[in-house]
């Protein structure tokens, strides 16, 4: 008899503590992200300026087709045509010797096996 009461009591406590899956939370959204964590808005036509950690301009990245292809112009005014590559997260573009991978406001440029971290302006 005591076992049945204990079992019913624990079942009731367990079910009372569970929240139905269909209810909506009335809590307000969390505080907005800081600007450094917000990704740049991805547009069909977009131009990004890549800045090194030393605040030097690495180059510009321009797309006209929602990052399926892009043109990278380095600081020496040499241009490279890039195509989109498979990436687990973010946008990855390459053409062989040049690989650019970015997410949010930061990324990595690999040019002739030299890796440079950058910020997007």
Foldseek 3Di string as FASTA:
>chain_A
DVVVVVVVVVVVVVVVPDDDPPDDDPDDDDDDDDLQQAADDQDQWDKKFWAFPVRHTQWMWTHNGRQQWIWTQGPVRDIDIWGWDDDPDATWIDDPQWIWGDTGQKTWIHHNNDITITGID
